[in-house]
Amino acid sequence: MPDDCIFCKIANKTIPVPPVYEDDEFFAFNDLNPQAPVHVLLVPKTHFTDILDIDDAALLGRGLKAVGAVAQALGLSTNGFRVVTNTGSYGGQSVFHLHFHLLGGRPMGWPPG
């Protein structure tokens, strides 16, 4: 865990944040700067810089299953939701710890950015 990684600190509870979801591998919490009525971040508890840094496809699959569980629990499955992961500065990544944005509660436009 890098000493300066805020998402590592949140996932490992060094910085207390109310969980939306938690299991042995992932921690989900509400985004501090929500871009939709529902905006949850799901982070692996193990540090990976971005999606290119991880070679465990099964872990990614379990992460997406966790996203689905959060979406179901928050009532987003009826109308739908968006899942985003940003990679690198051009991709919009501002915290360099792999994370998934779960956005819902309103129609999503396209293109997104």
Protein backbone atom coordinates (compact mmCIF):
# COMPACT_ATOMS: atom_id res chain seq x y z
CA MET A 1 0.00 0.00 0.00
CA PRO A 2 1.50 3.34 -0.98
CA ASP A 3 1.66 5.64 2.05
CA ASP A 4 -0.08 8.49 0.23
CA CYS A 5 -2.95 6.55 -1.40
CA ILE A 6 -6.23 7.89 -0.04
CA PHE A 7 -8.24 4.96 -1.40
CA CYS A 8 -5.94 2.46 0.34
CA LYS A 9 -6.49 4.37 3.57
CA ILE A 10 -10.27 4.36 3.07
CA ALA A 11 -10.45 0.69 2.07
CA ASN A 12 -8.30 -0.36 5.01
CA LYS A 13 -10.20 1.96 7.41
CA THR A 14 -7.28 4.22 8.32
CA ILE A 15 -9.61 7.00 7.18
CA PRO A 16 -13.10 6.17 8.45
CA VAL A 17 -15.76 6.37 5.74
CA PRO A 18 -19.22 4.80 6.01
CA PRO A 19 -19.33 1.73 3.77
CA VAL A 20 -22.02 1.22 1.17
CA TYR A 21 -20.68 -2.30 0.61
CA GLU A 22 -17.76 -4.34 1.89
CA ASP A 23 -16.40 -7.84 1.45
CA ASP A 24 -12.95 -9.40 1.86
CA GLU A 25 -11.60 -7.83 -1.35
CA PHE A 26 -13.60 -4.64 -2.00
CA PHE A 27 -14.88 -1.55 -0.24
CA ALA A 28 -17.57 0.76 -1.64
CA PHE A 29 -18.46 4.24 -0.44
CA ASN A 30 -20.30 7.33 -1.61
CA ASP A 31 -18.32 9.74 -3.79
CA LEU A 32 -17.65 13.09 -2.09
CA ASN A 33 -18.32 14.91 -5.38
CA PRO A 34 -21.33 13.05 -6.80
CA GLN A 35 -22.04 13.35 -10.52
CA ALA A 36 -25.46 11.67 -10.24
CA PRO A 37 -28.04 11.13 -7.50
CA VAL A 38 -26.24 7.85 -6.77
CA HIS A 39 -22.45 7.91 -7.17
CA VAL A 40 -20.60 5.13 -5.39
CA LEU A 41 -16.91 4.25 -5.69
CA LEU A 42 -15.86 0.60 -5.41
CA VAL A 43 -12.17 0.04 -4.70
CA PRO A 44 -10.15 -3.14 -4.24
CA LYS A 45 -8.56 -3.36 -0.81
CA THR A 46 -5.28 -4.29 -2.50
CA HIS A 47 -3.59 -1.41 -4.29
CA PHE A 48 -3.56 -1.46 -8.07
CA THR A 49 -2.77 1.78 -9.88
CA ASP A 50 -5.32 1.25 -12.65
CA ILE A 51 -6.94 -1.44 -14.77
CA LEU A 52 -3.63 -1.99 -16.62
CA ASP A 53 -1.89 -2.82 -13.33
CA ILE A 54 -4.03 -5.87 -12.57
CA ASP A 55 -3.65 -9.23 -14.30
CA ASP A 56 -6.18 -11.13 -12.19
CA ALA A 57 -9.27 -11.38 -14.42
CA ALA A 58 -11.12 -13.26 -11.68
CA LEU A 59 -10.60 -10.36 -9.27
CA LEU A 60 -11.97 -7.94 -11.85
CA GLY A 61 -14.96 -10.24 -12.32
CA ARG A 62 -15.59 -10.31 -8.58
CA GLY A 63 -15.34 -6.52 -8.57
CA LEU A 64 -18.02 -6.26 -11.24
CA LYS A 65 -20.18 -8.73 -9.30
CA ALA A 66 -19.77 -6.44 -6.27
CA VAL A 67 -20.81 -3.46 -8.40
CA GLY A 68 -23.92 -5.41 -9.38
CA ALA A 69 -24.69 -6.22 -5.75
CA VAL A 70 -24.40 -2.53 -4.83
CA ALA A 71 -26.63 -1.53 -7.76
CA GLN A 72 -29.25 -4.08 -6.70
CA ALA A 73 -29.10 -2.97 -3.06
CA LEU A 74 -29.52 0.69 -4.06
CA GLY A 75 -32.49 -0.05 -6.33
CA LEU A 76 -30.74 0.85 -9.58
CA SER A 77 -31.43 -2.37 -11.46
CA THR A 78 -34.91 -1.35 -12.67
CA ASN A 79 -33.94 1.78 -14.61
CA GLY A 80 -30.25 1.05 -15.12
CA PHE A 81 -26.92 2.56 -14.16
CA ARG A 82 -23.45 3.26 -15.51
CA VAL A 83 -20.12 1.74 -14.45
CA VAL A 84 -16.91 3.63 -15.28
CA THR A 85 -13.24 3.12 -14.57
CA ASN A 86 -10.80 5.81 -15.64
CA THR A 87 -7.21 5.02 -16.59
CA GLY A 88 -4.46 7.62 -16.69
CA SER A 89 -4.70 11.39 -16.70
CA TYR A 90 -6.13 11.54 -20.25
CA GLY A 91 -8.76 9.02 -19.18
CA GLY A 92 -9.81 11.27 -16.31
CA GLN A 93 -8.18 9.33 -13.48
CA SER A 94 -7.43 11.62 -10.55
CA VAL A 95 -6.81 9.04 -7.80
CA PHE A 96 -4.30 6.46 -8.97
CA HIS A 97 -5.87 3.46 -7.25
CA LEU A 98 -8.10 1.27 -9.41
CA HIS A 99 -11.74 2.11 -8.75
CA PHE A 100 -15.13 1.75 -10.35
CA HIS A 101 -17.68 4.56 -10.41
CA LEU A 102 -21.29 3.37 -10.11
CA LEU A 103 -23.62 6.14 -11.27
CA GLY A 104 -27.39 6.04 -11.32
CA GLY A 105 -30.64 7.64 -10.37
CA ARG A 106 -30.96 9.70 -13.57
CA PRO A 107 -30.69 9.20 -17.34
CA MET A 108 -27.07 9.13 -18.54
CA GLY A 109 -26.11 11.06 -21.66
CA TRP A 110 -23.80 9.95 -24.46
CA PRO A 111 -21.05 10.66 -25.23
CA PRO A 112 -20.02 10.87 -21.58
CA GLY A 113 -17.09 13.24 -21.87
